[in-house]
């Protein structure tokens, strides 16, 4: 288990493959994730990358001011459907595209995305709908 923000940072930046893997796979208490986000904001994408990151943290990051962070949340396989629905209405087209590409996106969300203002999102949504 990851026990501090410093440990997460060290693991993530390690050249040892086993330590690097721990940063992606090991759990940390929710308060440690909050500490990482507060003290090491450049690590937001790597927090999202962690396979055990709590839904509470994904919810927080889905409202981040940085569209690249919101895109990473939209890309996350374990992203809850209600967050995907919210991100499907995001002002940034790249976020909406990542929602359309998410393997867990629902038919209902894809149906809203086929009317998107960006042709790329529309194309992906239509292709995904055709395969459902």
C-alpha atoms as a PDB file:
ATOM      1  CA  UNK A   1       0.000   0.000   0.000  1.00  0.00           C
ATOM      2  CA  UNK A   2       1.185   3.502  -0.842  1.00  0.00           C
ATOM      3  CA  UNK A   3       1.518   5.392   2.432  1.00  0.00           C
ATOM      4  CA  UNK A   4       2.392   8.964   1.439  1.00  0.00           C
ATOM      5  CA  UNK A   5       2.407  11.475  -1.388  1.00  0.00           C
ATOM      6  CA  UNK A   6       6.197  11.322  -1.392  1.00  0.00           C
ATOM      7  CA  UNK A   7       6.156   7.555  -1.782  1.00  0.00           C
ATOM      8  CA  UNK A   8       3.754   7.787  -4.743  1.00  0.00           C
ATOM      9  CA  UNK A   9       5.984  10.411  -6.378  1.00  0.00           C
ATOM     10  CA  UNK A  10       9.106   8.301  -5.797  1.00  0.00           C
ATOM     11  CA  UNK A  11       7.452   5.160  -7.171  1.00  0.00           C
ATOM     12  CA  UNK A  12       6.095   6.967 -10.228  1.00  0.00           C
ATOM     13  CA  UNK A  13       9.504   8.415 -11.044  1.00  0.00           C
ATOM     14  CA  UNK A  14      11.501   5.278 -10.275  1.00  0.00           C
ATOM     15  CA  UNK A  15      13.582   3.592 -12.941  1.00  0.00           C
ATOM     16  CA  UNK A  16      12.964   0.260 -11.235  1.00  0.00           C
ATOM     17  CA  UNK A  17      10.114  -1.420 -13.192  1.00  0.00           C
ATOM     18  CA  UNK A  18       8.705  -3.050 -10.046  1.00  0.00           C
ATOM     19  CA  UNK A  19       8.469   0.257  -8.212  1.00  0.00           C
ATOM     20  CA  UNK A  20       7.039   2.021 -11.244  1.00  0.00           C
ATOM     21  CA  UNK A  21       4.411  -0.733 -11.478  1.00  0.00           C
ATOM     22  CA  UNK A  22       3.464  -0.209  -7.835  1.00  0.00           C
ATOM     23  CA  UNK A  23       2.542   3.416  -8.636  1.00  0.00           C
ATOM     24  CA  UNK A  24       0.015   2.105 -11.174  1.00  0.00           C
ATOM     25  CA  UNK A  25      -1.385  -0.829  -9.243  1.00  0.00           C
ATOM     26  CA  UNK A  26      -1.205  -0.282  -5.508  1.00  0.00           C
ATOM     27  CA  UNK A  27      -3.922   1.204  -3.384  1.00  0.00           C
ATOM     28  CA  UNK A  28      -3.520   4.245  -1.211  1.00  0.00           C
ATOM     29  CA  UNK A  29      -5.881   5.641   1.394  1.00  0.00           C
ATOM     30  CA  UNK A  30      -8.159   8.336  -0.024  1.00  0.00           C
ATOM     31  CA  UNK A  31      -6.480  10.976   2.136  1.00  0.00           C
ATOM     32  CA  UNK A  32      -3.138  10.148   0.466  1.00  0.00           C
ATOM     33  CA  UNK A  33      -4.666  10.742  -2.981  1.00  0.00           C
ATOM     34  CA  UNK A  34      -5.951  14.111  -1.759  1.00  0.00           C
ATOM     35  CA  UNK A  35      -2.477  14.893  -0.430  1.00  0.00           C
ATOM     36  CA  UNK A  36      -0.899  14.009  -3.786  1.00  0.00           C
ATOM     37  CA  UNK A  37      -3.365  16.263  -5.617  1.00  0.00           C
ATOM     38  CA  UNK A  38      -2.788  19.138  -3.219  1.00  0.00           C
ATOM     39  CA  UNK A  39       0.978  18.929  -2.896  1.00  0.00           C
ATOM     40  CA  UNK A  40       1.900  17.485  -6.305  1.00  0.00           C
ATOM     41  CA  UNK A  41      -0.667  18.793  -8.812  1.00  0.00           C
ATOM     42  CA  UNK A  42       1.549  17.761 -11.739  1.00  0.00           C
ATOM     43  CA  UNK A  43       0.844  14.145 -10.752  1.00  0.00           C
ATOM     44  CA  UNK A  44      -2.932  14.336 -11.422  1.00  0.00           C
ATOM     45  CA  UNK A  45      -2.718  12.278 -14.604  1.00  0.00           C
ATOM     46  CA  UNK A  46      -0.686   9.628 -12.806  1.00  0.00           C
ATOM     47  CA  UNK A  47      -3.210   9.486  -9.976  1.00  0.00           C
ATOM     48  CA  UNK A  48      -5.906   8.805 -12.594  1.00  0.00           C
ATOM     49  CA  UNK A  49      -3.638   6.161 -14.151  1.00  0.00           C
ATOM     50  CA  UNK A  50      -3.600   4.180 -10.893  1.00  0.00           C
ATOM     51  CA  UNK A  51      -5.921   1.169 -11.260  1.00  0.00           C
ATOM     52  CA  UNK A  52      -7.232   1.489  -7.694  1.00  0.00           C
ATOM     53  CA  UNK A  53      -7.938   5.215  -7.594  1.00  0.00           C
ATOM     54  CA  UNK A  54     -11.228   5.762  -5.757  1.00  0.00           C
ATOM     55  CA  UNK A  55     -14.329   6.999  -7.556  1.00  0.00           C
ATOM     56  CA  UNK A  56     -14.352   9.987  -5.194  1.00  0.00           C
ATOM     57  CA  UNK A  57     -11.028  11.136  -6.649  1.00  0.00           C
ATOM     58  CA  UNK A  58     -12.230  10.597 -10.223  1.00  0.00           C
ATOM     59  CA  UNK A  59     -15.286  12.743  -9.428  1.00  0.00           C
ATOM     60  CA  UNK A  60     -13.078  15.517  -8.121  1.00  0.00           C
ATOM     61  CA  UNK A  61     -10.757  15.386 -11.130  1.00  0.00           C
ATOM     62  CA  UNK A  62     -13.649  15.286 -13.594  1.00  0.00           C
ATOM     63  CA  UNK A  63     -14.227  18.934 -12.655  1.00  0.00           C
ATOM     64  CA  UNK A  64     -10.569  19.969 -12.935  1.00  0.00           C
ATOM     65  CA  UNK A  65      -9.842  23.210 -14.794  1.00  0.00           C
ATOM     66  CA  UNK A  66      -7.300  21.392 -17.008  1.00  0.00           C
ATOM     67  CA  UNK A  67      -9.002  19.707 -19.970  1.00  0.00           C
ATOM     68  CA  UNK A  68      -6.177  17.153 -20.258  1.00  0.00           C
ATOM     69  CA  UNK A  69      -7.011  15.958 -16.734  1.00  0.00           C
ATOM     70  CA  UNK A  70     -10.725  15.724 -17.580  1.00  0.00           C
ATOM     71  CA  UNK A  71      -9.775  13.808 -20.747  1.00  0.00           C
ATOM     72  CA  UNK A  72      -7.818  11.286 -18.686  1.00  0.00           C
ATOM     73  CA  UNK A  73     -10.838  10.788 -16.427  1.00  0.00           C
ATOM     74  CA  UNK A  74     -13.074  10.326 -19.497  1.00  0.00           C
ATOM     75  CA  UNK A  75     -10.612   7.713 -20.777  1.00  0.00           C
ATOM     76  CA  UNK A  76     -10.646   5.727 -17.545  1.00  0.00           C
ATOM     77  CA  UNK A  77     -12.337   2.355 -17.973  1.00  0.00           C
ATOM     78  CA  UNK A  78     -13.724   2.438 -14.436  1.00  0.00           C
ATOM     79  CA  UNK A  79     -15.156   5.925 -14.851  1.00  0.00           C
ATOM     80  CA  UNK A  80     -18.746   5.893 -13.539  1.00  0.00           C
ATOM     81  CA  UNK A  81     -21.466   6.404 -16.140  1.00  0.00           C
ATOM     82  CA  UNK A  82     -22.781   9.564 -14.482  1.00  0.00           C
ATOM     83  CA  UNK A  83     -19.352  11.175 -14.798  1.00  0.00           C
ATOM     84  CA  UNK A  84     -19.137  10.105 -18.448  1.00  0.00           C
ATOM     85  CA  UNK A  85     -22.568  11.693 -19.021  1.00  0.00           C
ATOM     86  CA  UNK A  86     -21.344  14.936 -17.466  1.00  0.00           C
ATOM     87  CA  UNK A  87     -18.106  14.890 -19.466  1.00  0.00           C
ATOM     88  CA  UNK A  88     -20.072  14.222 -22.668  1.00  0.00           C
ATOM     89  CA  UNK A  89     -21.252  17.836 -22.293  1.00  0.00           C
ATOM     90  CA  UNK A  90     -17.775  19.228 -21.586  1.00  0.00           C
ATOM     91  CA  UNK A  91     -16.787  22.463 -23.313  1.00  0.00           C
ATOM     92  CA  UNK A  92     -13.584  20.835 -24.607  1.00  0.00           C
ATOM     93  CA  UNK A  93     -14.017  18.663 -27.686  1.00  0.00           C
ATOM     94  CA  UNK A  94     -11.090  16.401 -26.776  1.00  0.00           C
ATOM     95  CA  UNK A  95     -12.861  15.467 -23.528  1.00  0.00           C
ATOM     96  CA  UNK A  96     -16.055  14.623 -25.432  1.00  0.00           C
ATOM     97  CA  UNK A  97     -14.015  12.528 -27.879  1.00  0.00           C
ATOM     98  CA  UNK A  98     -12.486  10.525 -25.026  1.00  0.00           C
ATOM     99  CA  UNK A  99     -15.999   9.895 -23.678  1.00  0.00           C
ATOM    100  CA  UNK A 100     -17.067   8.585 -27.096  1.00  0.00           C
ATOM    101  CA  UNK A 101     -14.045   6.252 -27.107  1.00  0.00           C
ATOM    102  CA  UNK A 102     -14.526   4.955 -23.561  1.00  0.00           C
ATOM    103  CA  UNK A 103     -15.280   1.200 -23.649  1.00  0.00           C
ATOM    104  CA  UNK A 104     -17.946   1.603 -20.936  1.00  0.00           C
ATOM    105  CA  UNK A 105     -19.863   4.476 -22.539  1.00  0.00           C
ATOM    106  CA  UNK A 106     -23.576   3.777 -22.754  1.00  0.00           C
ATOM    107  CA  UNK A 107     -25.831   3.834 -25.793  1.00  0.00           C
ATOM    108  CA  UNK A 108     -27.663   6.825 -24.302  1.00  0.00           C
ATOM    109  CA  UNK A 109     -24.475   8.863 -24.010  1.00  0.00           C
ATOM    110  CA  UNK A 110     -23.386   7.922 -27.528  1.00  0.00           C
ATOM    111  CA  UNK A 111     -26.793   8.993 -28.831  1.00  0.00           C
ATOM    112  CA  UNK A 112     -26.235  12.456 -27.344  1.00  0.00           C
ATOM    113  CA  UNK A 113     -22.764  12.618 -28.866  1.00  0.00           C
ATOM    114  CA  UNK A 114     -23.976  11.991 -32.437  1.00  0.00           C
ATOM    115  CA  UNK A 115     -25.222  15.585 -32.398  1.00  0.00           C
ATOM    116  CA  UNK A 116     -21.894  16.969 -31.199  1.00  0.00           C
ATOM    117  CA  UNK A 117     -20.480  20.121 -32.773  1.00  0.00           C
ATOM    118  CA  UNK A 118     -17.192  18.371 -33.658  1.00  0.00           C
ATOM    119  CA  UNK A 119     -17.334  15.954 -36.598  1.00  0.00           C
ATOM    120  CA  UNK A 120     -14.695  13.685 -35.067  1.00  0.00           C
ATOM    121  CA  UNK A 121     -16.854  13.076 -31.984  1.00  0.00           C
ATOM    122  CA  UNK A 122     -19.903  12.449 -34.194  1.00  0.00           C
ATOM    123  CA  UNK A 123     -17.990   9.934 -36.326  1.00  0.00           C
ATOM    124  CA  UNK A 124     -16.678   7.986 -33.327  1.00  0.00           C
ATOM    125  CA  UNK A 125     -20.086   7.990 -31.629  1.00  0.00           C
ATOM    126  CA  UNK A 126     -21.819   6.738 -34.783  1.00  0.00           C
ATOM    127  CA  UNK A 127     -19.214   4.006 -35.289  1.00  0.00           C
ATOM    128  CA  UNK A 128     -19.538   2.895 -31.679  1.00  0.00           C
ATOM    129  CA  UNK A 129     -23.346   2.868 -31.908  1.00  0.00           C
ATOM    130  CA  UNK A 130     -23.212   0.737 -35.035  1.00  0.00           C
ATOM    131  CA  UNK A 131     -21.244  -1.893 -33.136  1.00  0.00           C
ATOM    132  CA  UNK A 132     -23.601  -2.096 -30.156  1.00  0.00           C
END
